[in-house]
Amino acid sequence: MTNRRFILIGIAAGLGAVLLAACAATAPASPPAVEPLRVTGSVAYRERMALDPSAEIVVQLLDVSRADAPSVVLAEQRFKAGGRQVPFTFELAVDPARIDPRMRYTVSARILQDGQLLFITDTSHPVLSMRQGNTASLMLVKVAR
C-alpha cells in the first residue's frame, strides 16, 4: 500500500472515532411527551330554575368495565356555578395509557348545593372505546327531595 492510502485510512479512522465520541456525549433522547386524551361536552337540565352561585358541578370520567365492582374515577372536574347557568361546558383529561379499548368508559355529572344533591345523570353516556367518541352532552334530572 502506498503512503497515501495509509494516510486516508488514518483520517477516516480518526473521523469515525470523533463521530462516535460526539454521539456518546449527547444526552439520551427523552421520550416524546404523551398528549392526554380529552373528553369534552356540556352539562344541562330541563327545569327552568336558576342555580345558586355556590352550586358545585362535578363531572367524572368513569371506568365501568367491571359489573361486580364499583366504577373507577379516571378524571374529574369540579367547579362552582359562580352565577353562570346551564349549559356548562367541561373538559376531562386522562392519560392514554389508562385507557384500554376493550373496556367501557362513561361520563357522569351531578350538581350539589351545600352538599345536597340537586341534579344527576340517570343514563349512561359512553365515551372513548367501542367506537364511541370523546364528547358527551349530559342532560341531568332533578333529584326528588
N, C-alpha and C. Protein backbone atom coordinates (compact mmCIF):
# COMPACT_ATOMS: atom_id res chain seq x y z
N MET A 1 0.84 -1.18 0.00
CA MET A 1 0.00 0.00 0.00
C MET A 1 0.88 1.24 0.00
N THR A 2 0.36 2.27 -0.58
CA THR A 2 1.13 3.50 -0.64
C THR A 2 0.88 4.32 0.61
N ASN A 3 1.75 5.27 0.82
CA ASN A 3 1.61 6.17 1.97
C ASN A 3 0.29 6.93 1.92
N ARG A 4 -0.12 7.23 0.73
CA ARG A 4 -1.36 7.98 0.56
C ARG A 4 -2.56 7.20 1.11
N ARG A 5 -2.61 5.89 0.85
CA ARG A 5 -3.70 5.07 1.36
C ARG A 5 -3.66 4.99 2.88
N PHE A 6 -2.49 4.85 3.46
CA PHE A 6 -2.36 4.80 4.92
C PHE A 6 -2.86 6.11 5.54
N ILE A 7 -2.55 7.19 4.90
CA ILE A 7 -2.98 8.49 5.42
C ILE A 7 -4.50 8.60 5.35
N LEU A 8 -5.12 8.20 4.24
CA LEU A 8 -6.57 8.25 4.10
C LEU A 8 -7.26 7.34 5.10
N ILE A 9 -6.73 6.14 5.31
CA ILE A 9 -7.31 5.21 6.29
C ILE A 9 -7.19 5.80 7.69
N GLY A 10 -6.06 6.42 7.99
CA GLY A 10 -5.88 7.05 9.30
C GLY A 10 -6.86 8.19 9.52
N ILE A 11 -7.06 9.00 8.50
CA ILE A 11 -8.00 10.13 8.61
C ILE A 11 -9.43 9.60 8.80
N ALA A 12 -9.82 8.58 8.03
CA ALA A 12 -11.16 8.02 8.15
C ALA A 12 -11.38 7.43 9.54
N ALA A 13 -10.37 6.73 10.07
CA ALA A 13 -10.49 6.15 11.41
C ALA A 13 -10.61 7.25 12.46
N GLY A 14 -9.83 8.30 12.30
CA GLY A 14 -9.90 9.42 13.25
C GLY A 14 -11.26 10.10 13.23
N LEU A 15 -11.80 10.33 12.03
CA LEU A 15 -13.13 10.94 11.91
C LEU A 15 -14.20 10.05 12.51
N GLY A 16 -14.09 8.76 12.30
CA GLY A 16 -15.06 7.81 12.87
C GLY A 16 -15.03 7.86 14.38
N ALA A 17 -13.83 7.92 14.96
CA ALA A 17 -13.71 7.99 16.42
C ALA A 17 -14.32 9.28 16.96
N VAL A 18 -14.08 10.39 16.26
CA VAL A 18 -14.64 11.68 16.68
C VAL A 18 -16.16 11.64 16.62
N LEU A 19 -16.72 11.09 15.55
CA LEU A 19 -18.18 11.00 15.41
C LEU A 19 -18.78 10.11 16.49
N LEU A 20 -18.16 8.98 16.78
CA LEU A 20 -18.66 8.10 17.84
C LEU A 20 -18.62 8.79 19.19
N ALA A 21 -17.55 9.52 19.46
CA ALA A 21 -17.44 10.24 20.73
C ALA A 21 -18.52 11.32 20.83
N ALA A 22 -18.80 12.01 19.73
CA ALA A 22 -19.82 13.05 19.74
C ALA A 22 -21.20 12.46 19.99
N CYS A 23 -21.47 11.31 19.40
CA CYS A 23 -22.77 10.66 19.61
C CYS A 23 -22.91 10.21 21.06
N ALA A 24 -21.85 9.70 21.63
CA ALA A 24 -21.90 9.22 23.01
C ALA A 24 -22.03 10.38 23.99
N ALA A 25 -21.54 11.54 23.64
CA ALA A 25 -21.55 12.68 24.55
C ALA A 25 -22.91 13.36 24.61
N THR A 26 -23.77 13.15 23.62
CA THR A 26 -25.08 13.79 23.64
C THR A 26 -25.99 13.10 24.64
N ALA A 27 -26.88 13.87 25.21
CA ALA A 27 -27.82 13.32 26.19
C ALA A 27 -28.77 12.36 25.49
N PRO A 28 -29.20 11.32 26.21
CA PRO A 28 -30.15 10.40 25.59
C PRO A 28 -31.45 11.12 25.29
N ALA A 29 -32.04 10.75 24.19
CA ALA A 29 -33.30 11.39 23.78
C ALA A 29 -34.41 11.02 24.76
N SER A 30 -35.12 12.03 25.22
CA SER A 30 -36.23 11.76 26.13
C SER A 30 -37.42 11.31 25.29
N PRO A 31 -38.26 10.46 25.88
CA PRO A 31 -39.41 10.01 25.11
C PRO A 31 -40.33 11.19 24.81
N PRO A 32 -41.01 11.16 23.69
CA PRO A 32 -41.89 12.28 23.34
C PRO A 32 -43.01 12.40 24.37
N ALA A 33 -43.39 13.63 24.65
CA ALA A 33 -44.46 13.88 25.61
C ALA A 33 -45.76 13.30 25.07
N VAL A 34 -46.47 12.58 25.91
CA VAL A 34 -47.73 11.97 25.50
C VAL A 34 -48.86 12.96 25.80
N GLU A 35 -49.62 13.29 24.78
CA GLU A 35 -50.76 14.19 24.95
C GLU A 35 -51.88 13.42 25.64
N PRO A 36 -52.51 14.04 26.64
CA PRO A 36 -53.63 13.35 27.29
C PRO A 36 -54.83 13.27 26.36
N LEU A 37 -55.64 12.25 26.56
CA LEU A 37 -56.91 12.16 25.85
C LEU A 37 -57.85 13.16 26.51
N ARG A 38 -58.66 13.81 25.72
CA ARG A 38 -59.59 14.80 26.25
C ARG A 38 -61.02 14.38 25.94
N VAL A 39 -61.85 14.43 26.96
CA VAL A 39 -63.28 14.20 26.81
C VAL A 39 -63.95 15.54 27.11
N THR A 40 -64.75 16.02 26.17
CA THR A 40 -65.39 17.32 26.32
C THR A 40 -66.90 17.18 26.18
N GLY A 41 -67.60 18.20 26.60
CA GLY A 41 -69.05 18.18 26.43
C GLY A 41 -69.73 19.25 27.23
N SER A 42 -71.02 19.02 27.48
CA SER A 42 -71.82 20.00 28.20
C SER A 42 -72.72 19.32 29.23
N VAL A 43 -73.09 20.10 30.23
CA VAL A 43 -73.97 19.66 31.30
C VAL A 43 -75.16 20.61 31.34
N ALA A 44 -76.37 20.05 31.33
CA ALA A 44 -77.58 20.88 31.36
C ALA A 44 -78.69 20.13 32.09
N TYR A 45 -79.78 20.82 32.34
CA TYR A 45 -81.00 20.19 32.87
C TYR A 45 -82.19 20.93 32.27
N ARG A 46 -83.38 20.29 32.30
CA ARG A 46 -84.56 20.86 31.64
C ARG A 46 -85.33 21.86 32.51
N GLU A 47 -85.26 21.73 33.82
CA GLU A 47 -86.04 22.59 34.71
C GLU A 47 -85.68 24.06 34.48
N ARG A 48 -86.68 24.89 34.60
CA ARG A 48 -86.47 26.32 34.44
C ARG A 48 -86.24 26.93 35.81
N MET A 49 -85.05 26.72 36.32
CA MET A 49 -84.69 27.27 37.62
C MET A 49 -83.23 27.67 37.59
N ALA A 50 -82.93 28.75 38.29
CA ALA A 50 -81.56 29.25 38.34
C ALA A 50 -80.80 28.57 39.46
N LEU A 51 -79.54 28.31 39.22
CA LEU A 51 -78.66 27.74 40.25
C LEU A 51 -78.10 28.85 41.12
N ASP A 52 -77.94 28.55 42.37
CA ASP A 52 -77.25 29.45 43.29
C ASP A 52 -75.80 29.56 42.83
N PRO A 53 -75.15 30.72 42.96
CA PRO A 53 -73.75 30.85 42.54
C PRO A 53 -72.80 29.87 43.25
N SER A 54 -73.18 29.40 44.44
CA SER A 54 -72.30 28.47 45.16
C SER A 54 -72.53 27.01 44.80
N ALA A 55 -73.47 26.73 43.89
CA ALA A 55 -73.72 25.34 43.48
C ALA A 55 -72.45 24.77 42.84
N GLU A 56 -72.18 23.50 43.12
CA GLU A 56 -70.98 22.85 42.61
C GLU A 56 -71.35 21.83 41.54
N ILE A 57 -70.66 21.89 40.41
CA ILE A 57 -70.86 20.96 39.30
C ILE A 57 -69.68 19.99 39.33
N VAL A 58 -69.99 18.70 39.29
CA VAL A 58 -68.96 17.65 39.32
C VAL A 58 -69.16 16.76 38.10
N VAL A 59 -68.12 16.62 37.28
CA VAL A 59 -68.16 15.79 36.09
C VAL A 59 -67.04 14.76 36.23
N GLN A 60 -67.35 13.48 35.94
CA GLN A 60 -66.36 12.41 36.10
C GLN A 60 -66.31 11.52 34.88
N LEU A 61 -65.10 11.08 34.56
CA LEU A 61 -64.87 10.03 33.57
C LEU A 61 -64.67 8.75 34.36
N LEU A 62 -65.51 7.74 34.10
CA LEU A 62 -65.52 6.52 34.88
C LEU A 62 -65.20 5.29 34.05
N ASP A 63 -64.44 4.37 34.63
CA ASP A 63 -64.24 3.04 34.05
C ASP A 63 -65.33 2.16 34.65
N VAL A 64 -66.28 1.74 33.82
CA VAL A 64 -67.41 0.94 34.29
C VAL A 64 -67.35 -0.48 33.73
N SER A 65 -66.15 -0.98 33.49
CA SER A 65 -65.96 -2.27 32.84
C SER A 65 -66.39 -3.45 33.70
N ARG A 66 -66.19 -3.35 34.99
CA ARG A 66 -66.48 -4.49 35.86
C ARG A 66 -67.89 -4.38 36.44
N ALA A 67 -68.70 -5.38 36.16
CA ALA A 67 -70.08 -5.37 36.64
C ALA A 67 -70.16 -5.63 38.14
N ASP A 68 -69.18 -6.32 38.69
CA ASP A 68 -69.23 -6.69 40.11
C ASP A 68 -68.37 -5.81 41.00
N ALA A 69 -67.96 -4.64 40.50
CA ALA A 69 -67.09 -3.75 41.28
C ALA A 69 -67.52 -2.31 41.06
N PRO A 70 -67.18 -1.44 42.01
CA PRO A 70 -67.51 -0.02 41.82
C PRO A 70 -66.74 0.57 40.64
N SER A 71 -67.30 1.62 40.07
CA SER A 71 -66.64 2.33 38.97
C SER A 71 -65.34 2.95 39.48
N VAL A 72 -64.38 3.08 38.57
CA VAL A 72 -63.11 3.71 38.90
C VAL A 72 -63.10 5.10 38.25
N VAL A 73 -62.85 6.13 39.06
CA VAL A 73 -62.80 7.51 38.55
C VAL A 73 -61.43 7.72 37.90
N LEU A 74 -61.42 8.01 36.60
CA LEU A 74 -60.18 8.25 35.86
C LEU A 74 -59.86 9.74 35.76
N ALA A 75 -60.88 10.56 35.76
CA ALA A 75 -60.68 12.02 35.69
C ALA A 75 -61.91 12.69 36.28
N GLU A 76 -61.69 13.87 36.85
CA GLU A 76 -62.79 14.60 37.47
C GLU A 76 -62.56 16.09 37.32
N GLN A 77 -63.65 16.82 37.08
CA GLN A 77 -63.61 18.28 37.06
C GLN A 77 -64.70 18.79 37.99
N ARG A 78 -64.32 19.67 38.90
CA ARG A 78 -65.26 20.30 39.84
C ARG A 78 -65.16 21.81 39.68
N PHE A 79 -66.30 22.47 39.63
CA PHE A 79 -66.28 23.93 39.57
C PHE A 79 -67.59 24.48 40.11
N LYS A 80 -67.55 25.71 40.56
CA LYS A 80 -68.73 26.41 41.08
C LYS A 80 -69.49 27.07 39.93
N ALA A 81 -70.78 27.18 40.09
CA ALA A 81 -71.60 27.83 39.07
C ALA A 81 -71.19 29.30 38.94
N GLY A 82 -70.90 29.94 40.07
CA GLY A 82 -70.39 31.31 40.03
C GLY A 82 -71.31 32.29 39.34
N GLY A 83 -72.61 32.07 39.43
CA GLY A 83 -73.56 32.98 38.78
C GLY A 83 -73.90 32.58 37.35
N ARG A 84 -73.17 31.67 36.77
CA ARG A 84 -73.48 31.19 35.41
C ARG A 84 -74.61 30.16 35.48
N GLN A 85 -75.25 29.93 34.37
CA GLN A 85 -76.34 28.97 34.31
C GLN A 85 -76.08 27.96 33.19
N VAL A 86 -76.87 26.90 33.18
CA VAL A 86 -76.69 25.84 32.19
C VAL A 86 -76.90 26.40 30.79
N PRO A 87 -76.25 25.82 29.81
CA PRO A 87 -75.34 24.66 29.88
C PRO A 87 -73.93 25.06 30.30
N PHE A 88 -73.30 24.16 31.05
CA PHE A 88 -71.91 24.31 31.45
C PHE A 88 -71.07 23.42 30.55
N THR A 89 -69.91 23.88 30.16
CA THR A 89 -69.00 23.03 29.38
C THR A 89 -67.97 22.41 30.31
N PHE A 90 -67.46 21.25 29.90
CA PHE A 90 -66.43 20.58 30.69
C PHE A 90 -65.37 20.01 29.77
N GLU A 91 -64.22 19.75 30.36
CA GLU A 91 -63.12 19.08 29.66
C GLU A 91 -62.38 18.22 30.68
N LEU A 92 -62.33 16.93 30.39
CA LEU A 92 -61.63 15.97 31.25
C LEU A 92 -60.41 15.45 30.50
N ALA A 93 -59.26 15.44 31.15
CA ALA A 93 -58.03 14.94 30.53
C ALA A 93 -57.61 13.67 31.26
N VAL A 94 -57.22 12.65 30.49
CA VAL A 94 -56.79 11.39 31.07
C VAL A 94 -55.59 10.86 30.29
N ASP A 95 -54.69 10.22 31.00
CA ASP A 95 -53.51 9.62 30.40
C ASP A 95 -53.95 8.49 29.47
N PRO A 96 -53.53 8.51 28.20
CA PRO A 96 -53.95 7.46 27.27
C PRO A 96 -53.53 6.05 27.71
N ALA A 97 -52.49 5.95 28.52
CA ALA A 97 -52.05 4.64 29.00
C ALA A 97 -53.09 4.00 29.92
N ARG A 98 -53.99 4.81 30.47
CA ARG A 98 -55.02 4.28 31.38
C ARG A 98 -56.26 3.80 30.63
N ILE A 99 -56.30 4.01 29.31
CA ILE A 99 -57.46 3.64 28.51
C ILE A 99 -57.17 2.35 27.75
N ASP A 100 -58.02 1.36 27.95
CA ASP A 100 -57.93 0.07 27.25
C ASP A 100 -59.14 -0.02 26.33
N PRO A 101 -58.94 -0.13 25.02
CA PRO A 101 -60.08 -0.12 24.10
C PRO A 101 -61.07 -1.26 24.32
N ARG A 102 -60.68 -2.28 25.07
CA ARG A 102 -61.59 -3.39 25.36
C ARG A 102 -62.53 -3.09 26.53
N MET A 103 -62.23 -2.04 27.29
CA MET A 103 -63.02 -1.71 28.47
C MET A 103 -64.10 -0.69 28.12
N ARG A 104 -64.97 -0.39 29.08
CA ARG A 104 -66.07 0.56 28.87
C ARG A 104 -65.88 1.77 29.77
N TYR A 105 -66.12 2.95 29.19
CA TYR A 105 -65.95 4.22 29.90
C TYR A 105 -67.20 5.07 29.71
N THR A 106 -67.60 5.76 30.77
CA THR A 106 -68.74 6.66 30.68
C THR A 106 -68.41 7.98 31.36
N VAL A 107 -69.22 8.99 31.06
CA VAL A 107 -69.11 10.29 31.71
C VAL A 107 -70.40 10.49 32.50
N SER A 108 -70.25 10.95 33.73
CA SER A 108 -71.42 11.26 34.55
C SER A 108 -71.23 12.63 35.20
N ALA A 109 -72.34 13.22 35.64
CA ALA A 109 -72.27 14.54 36.27
C ALA A 109 -73.32 14.65 37.36
N ARG A 110 -73.07 15.57 38.26
CA ARG A 110 -74.05 15.89 39.30
C ARG A 110 -73.86 17.35 39.70
N ILE A 111 -74.92 17.92 40.25
CA ILE A 111 -74.87 19.28 40.76
C ILE A 111 -75.27 19.23 42.23
N LEU A 112 -74.44 19.84 43.06
CA LEU A 112 -74.66 19.85 44.51
C LEU A 112 -74.84 21.27 45.00
N GLN A 113 -75.68 21.41 46.02
CA GLN A 113 -75.86 22.70 46.69
C GLN A 113 -75.69 22.46 48.18
N ASP A 114 -74.64 23.02 48.76
CA ASP A 114 -74.33 22.83 50.18
C ASP A 114 -74.26 21.33 50.54
N GLY A 115 -73.67 20.54 49.67
CA GLY A 115 -73.51 19.11 49.91
C GLY A 115 -74.74 18.28 49.58
N GLN A 116 -75.86 18.92 49.25
CA GLN A 116 -77.09 18.22 48.90
C GLN A 116 -77.16 18.02 47.39
N LEU A 117 -77.51 16.82 46.97
CA LEU A 117 -77.62 16.50 45.55
C LEU A 117 -78.87 17.14 44.96
N LEU A 118 -78.70 17.96 43.92
CA LEU A 118 -79.83 18.59 43.24
C LEU A 118 -80.17 17.89 41.92
N PHE A 119 -79.13 17.65 41.10
CA PHE A 119 -79.30 17.05 39.78
C PHE A 119 -78.25 15.96 39.58
N ILE A 120 -78.60 14.96 38.76
CA ILE A 120 -77.66 13.87 38.48
C ILE A 120 -77.99 13.26 37.12
N THR A 121 -77.00 12.64 36.49
CA THR A 121 -77.25 11.90 35.24
C THR A 121 -77.96 10.60 35.61
N ASP A 122 -78.94 10.21 34.82
CA ASP A 122 -79.64 8.95 35.07
C ASP A 122 -79.52 7.97 33.92
N THR A 123 -78.72 8.34 32.92
CA THR A 123 -78.46 7.43 31.79
C THR A 123 -76.96 7.34 31.55
N SER A 124 -76.57 6.28 30.88
CA SER A 124 -75.15 6.06 30.57
C SER A 124 -74.75 6.89 29.36
N HIS A 125 -73.57 7.49 29.43
CA HIS A 125 -73.02 8.28 28.33
C HIS A 125 -71.64 7.73 27.99
N PRO A 126 -71.60 6.68 27.13
CA PRO A 126 -70.32 6.04 26.81
C PRO A 126 -69.40 6.91 25.97
N VAL A 127 -68.09 6.79 26.25
CA VAL A 127 -67.05 7.53 25.51
C VAL A 127 -65.81 6.66 25.37
N LEU A 128 -64.93 7.04 24.46
CA LEU A 128 -63.55 6.57 24.30
C LEU A 128 -63.32 5.15 23.80
N SER A 129 -64.25 4.26 23.93
CA SER A 129 -63.99 2.89 23.46
C SER A 129 -65.22 2.36 22.75
N MET A 130 -65.04 1.24 22.09
CA MET A 130 -66.14 0.59 21.37
C MET A 130 -66.81 1.54 20.39
N ARG A 131 -65.96 2.25 19.65
CA ARG A 131 -66.39 3.18 18.60
C ARG A 131 -67.18 4.37 19.12
N GLN A 132 -67.01 4.68 20.38
CA GLN A 132 -67.64 5.87 20.95
C GLN A 132 -66.68 7.04 20.75
N GLY A 133 -67.19 8.22 20.72
CA GLY A 133 -66.36 9.40 20.52
C GLY A 133 -65.78 9.90 21.84
N ASN A 134 -65.38 11.15 21.84
CA ASN A 134 -64.83 11.74 23.05
C ASN A 134 -65.61 12.98 23.47
N THR A 135 -66.90 13.03 23.08
CA THR A 135 -67.77 14.12 23.51
C THR A 135 -69.05 13.54 24.11
N ALA A 136 -69.65 14.31 25.01
CA ALA A 136 -70.90 13.88 25.64
C ALA A 136 -71.72 15.10 26.01
N SER A 137 -73.01 15.04 25.70
CA SER A 137 -73.96 16.07 26.12
C SER A 137 -74.80 15.44 27.23
N LEU A 138 -74.56 15.89 28.47
CA LEU A 138 -75.20 15.29 29.62
C LEU A 138 -76.45 16.07 30.01
N MET A 139 -77.60 15.39 30.04
CA MET A 139 -78.84 16.00 30.49
C MET A 139 -79.15 15.42 31.87
N LEU A 140 -79.07 16.27 32.88
CA LEU A 140 -79.29 15.83 34.24
C LEU A 140 -80.76 15.88 34.62
N VAL A 141 -81.14 15.08 35.61
CA VAL A 141 -82.52 15.08 36.11
C VAL A 141 -82.51 15.56 37.55
N LYS A 142 -83.60 16.20 37.94
CA LYS A 142 -83.74 16.72 39.29
C LYS A 142 -83.97 15.56 40.25
N VAL A 143 -83.32 15.65 41.40
CA VAL A 143 -83.46 14.63 42.42
C VAL A 143 -84.64 15.00 43.32
N ALA A 144 -85.52 14.02 43.56
CA ALA A 144 -86.67 14.28 44.43
C ALA A 144 -86.21 14.43 45.87
N ARG A 145 -86.80 15.35 46.57
CA ARG A 145 -86.42 15.57 47.98
C ARG A 145 -87.27 14.72 48.87
